[in-house]
């Protein structure tokens, strides 16, 4: 089984949105790089967007990425360049090439804007779907999952 960790600043907007979008397709987890939201459930705007898009989700508590997560996961996927810097600060050197930005798997690599600040959950959702689809295509094209999955 491929293990994936999505990461953003607070683990209440982008990374749980990506978690639940991709969970609709495969088994996945998410975490934060900061301590700010630890223990909090997903943000209301994220919850509303998932409901609007009929994406199932469960009550959860924000958690923080740990150094040990590097050995537990095959992919650690951040939402923006600042997340990548923080991920590397937490887990250390990326010796096994496990750390990526989600939209690096798309045809238009870029950061995913944080809707906590922008208020635009629709753009964030669309970017996350684009990244998740690109990630699944990456896994298929590299023989990590079959085309039937």
Protein backbone atom coordinates (compact mmCIF):
# COMPACT_ATOMS: atom_id res chain seq x y z
CA UNK A 1 0.00 0.00 0.00
CA UNK A 2 1.22 3.50 -0.84
CA UNK A 3 1.17 5.84 2.16
CA UNK A 4 0.67 9.57 1.62
CA UNK A 5 0.84 12.52 4.04
CA UNK A 6 -0.63 15.88 2.93
CA UNK A 7 0.75 18.92 4.80
CA UNK A 8 -0.21 22.58 5.10
CA UNK A 9 0.31 25.28 7.72
CA UNK A 10 -2.56 24.56 10.11
CA UNK A 11 -4.04 21.23 8.91
CA UNK A 12 -7.56 22.68 8.88
CA UNK A 13 -8.05 23.89 5.26
CA UNK A 14 -5.90 22.69 2.36
CA UNK A 15 -4.33 19.46 3.63
CA UNK A 16 -7.57 18.00 5.06
CA UNK A 17 -9.40 19.06 1.88
CA UNK A 18 -6.77 17.19 -0.15
CA UNK A 19 -6.98 14.28 2.31
CA UNK A 20 -10.73 13.87 1.92
CA UNK A 21 -10.69 14.44 -1.86
CA UNK A 22 -8.03 11.77 -2.34
CA UNK A 23 -9.53 9.54 0.39
CA UNK A 24 -12.49 9.38 -1.88
CA UNK A 25 -10.03 7.60 -4.21
CA UNK A 26 -7.37 5.97 -1.92
CA UNK A 27 -6.24 5.69 1.75
CA UNK A 28 -4.56 8.92 2.94
CA UNK A 29 -3.63 11.10 5.99
CA UNK A 30 -2.81 14.79 6.54
CA UNK A 31 -0.94 16.96 9.07
CA UNK A 32 0.28 20.49 9.85
CA UNK A 33 3.69 22.13 10.01
CA UNK A 34 2.60 24.44 12.85
CA UNK A 35 1.14 23.91 16.31
CA UNK A 36 -1.53 26.63 15.89
CA UNK A 37 -4.55 24.43 15.14
CA UNK A 38 -3.56 21.14 16.81
CA UNK A 39 -6.67 19.36 18.05
CA UNK A 40 -9.09 21.44 15.97
CA UNK A 41 -11.50 19.90 13.49
CA UNK A 42 -11.48 20.96 9.83
CA UNK A 43 -12.33 24.59 9.17
CA UNK A 44 -15.97 25.46 8.43
CA UNK A 45 -15.25 26.67 4.89
CA UNK A 46 -13.47 23.40 4.08
CA UNK A 47 -16.30 21.39 5.60
CA UNK A 48 -18.86 23.40 3.60
CA UNK A 49 -16.94 22.88 0.35
CA UNK A 50 -16.66 19.12 0.93
CA UNK A 51 -20.41 18.93 1.64
CA UNK A 52 -21.17 20.99 -1.47
CA UNK A 53 -19.03 18.64 -3.60
CA UNK A 54 -20.48 15.49 -1.95
CA UNK A 55 -17.06 14.41 -0.65
CA UNK A 56 -17.46 12.25 2.47
CA UNK A 57 -15.43 13.23 5.53
CA UNK A 58 -15.25 12.45 9.22
CA UNK A 59 -14.71 14.48 12.36
CA UNK A 60 -10.99 14.78 12.95
CA UNK A 61 -8.35 16.63 14.93
CA UNK A 62 -5.48 18.55 13.36
CA UNK A 63 -2.11 16.92 13.99
CA UNK A 64 1.45 18.07 13.41
CA UNK A 65 3.98 16.39 11.14
CA UNK A 66 6.71 14.57 13.09
CA UNK A 67 10.26 13.60 12.15
CA UNK A 68 9.19 9.93 12.28
CA UNK A 69 6.55 10.50 9.61
CA UNK A 70 9.32 10.59 7.01
CA UNK A 71 9.89 6.86 7.51
CA UNK A 72 6.15 6.04 7.70
CA UNK A 73 5.06 7.59 4.38
CA UNK A 74 6.03 7.09 0.76
CA UNK A 75 5.00 10.63 -0.18
CA UNK A 76 4.85 13.79 1.93
CA UNK A 77 3.00 16.36 -0.13
CA UNK A 78 2.84 20.03 0.79
CA UNK A 79 0.50 22.64 -0.61
CA UNK A 80 2.99 25.49 -1.13
CA UNK A 81 6.71 26.24 -1.10
CA UNK A 82 6.58 27.45 2.52
CA UNK A 83 5.16 24.03 3.52
CA UNK A 84 8.04 22.31 1.72
CA UNK A 85 10.61 24.37 3.66
CA UNK A 86 8.81 23.60 6.94
CA UNK A 87 8.48 19.90 6.11
CA UNK A 88 12.23 19.67 5.50
CA UNK A 89 12.89 21.60 8.73
CA UNK A 90 10.77 19.05 10.63
CA UNK A 91 11.83 15.78 8.97
CA UNK A 92 15.34 16.69 7.83
CA UNK A 93 16.97 15.98 4.51
CA UNK A 94 14.80 14.38 1.82
CA UNK A 95 17.22 11.52 1.11
CA UNK A 96 14.55 9.30 -0.47
CA UNK A 97 12.88 11.98 -2.62
CA UNK A 98 9.51 11.73 -0.83
CA UNK A 99 8.67 15.46 -0.50
CA UNK A 100 6.61 17.20 -3.20
CA UNK A 101 4.17 20.04 -3.72
CA UNK A 102 0.75 18.72 -4.76
CA UNK A 103 0.56 20.78 -7.94
CA UNK A 104 4.03 19.56 -8.99
CA UNK A 105 2.02 16.59 -10.28
CA UNK A 106 -0.11 18.84 -12.51
CA UNK A 107 0.59 20.36 -15.91
CA UNK A 108 0.79 23.77 -14.21
CA UNK A 109 3.01 23.47 -11.09
CA UNK A 110 2.30 26.22 -8.54
CA UNK A 111 1.39 26.84 -4.92
CA UNK A 112 -2.15 26.23 -3.67
CA UNK A 113 -3.49 29.39 -2.07
CA UNK A 114 -4.58 29.10 1.56
CA UNK A 115 -8.34 29.79 1.77
CA UNK A 116 -7.93 30.75 5.43
CA UNK A 117 -6.46 33.97 4.01
CA UNK A 118 -8.11 34.23 0.58
CA UNK A 119 -11.59 33.06 1.56
CA UNK A 120 -11.84 31.35 -1.83
CA UNK A 121 -12.47 27.68 -1.12
CA UNK A 122 -13.62 27.03 -4.69
CA UNK A 123 -10.23 27.89 -6.22
CA UNK A 124 -8.46 25.86 -3.52
CA UNK A 125 -10.78 22.91 -4.12
CA UNK A 126 -10.23 23.04 -7.89
CA UNK A 127 -6.44 23.21 -7.41
CA UNK A 128 -6.54 20.25 -5.01
CA UNK A 129 -8.63 18.17 -7.42
CA UNK A 130 -6.18 19.06 -10.21
CA UNK A 131 -3.25 18.02 -8.02
CA UNK A 132 -4.90 14.79 -6.83
CA UNK A 133 -5.75 13.79 -10.39
CA UNK A 134 -2.17 14.54 -11.45
CA UNK A 135 -0.83 12.57 -8.50
CA UNK A 136 -2.96 9.54 -9.38
CA UNK A 137 -1.77 9.76 -12.99
CA UNK A 138 1.82 9.95 -11.73
CA UNK A 139 1.29 6.82 -9.62
CA UNK A 140 -0.27 4.97 -12.57
CA UNK A 141 2.41 6.02 -15.06
CA UNK A 142 5.14 4.92 -12.64
CA UNK A 143 3.55 1.53 -11.98
CA UNK A 144 2.76 2.34 -8.34
CA UNK A 145 -0.95 1.61 -8.85
CA UNK A 146 -2.79 -0.12 -11.67
CA UNK A 147 -4.85 1.78 -14.20
CA UNK A 148 -7.96 0.02 -12.87
CA UNK A 149 -7.60 1.59 -9.36
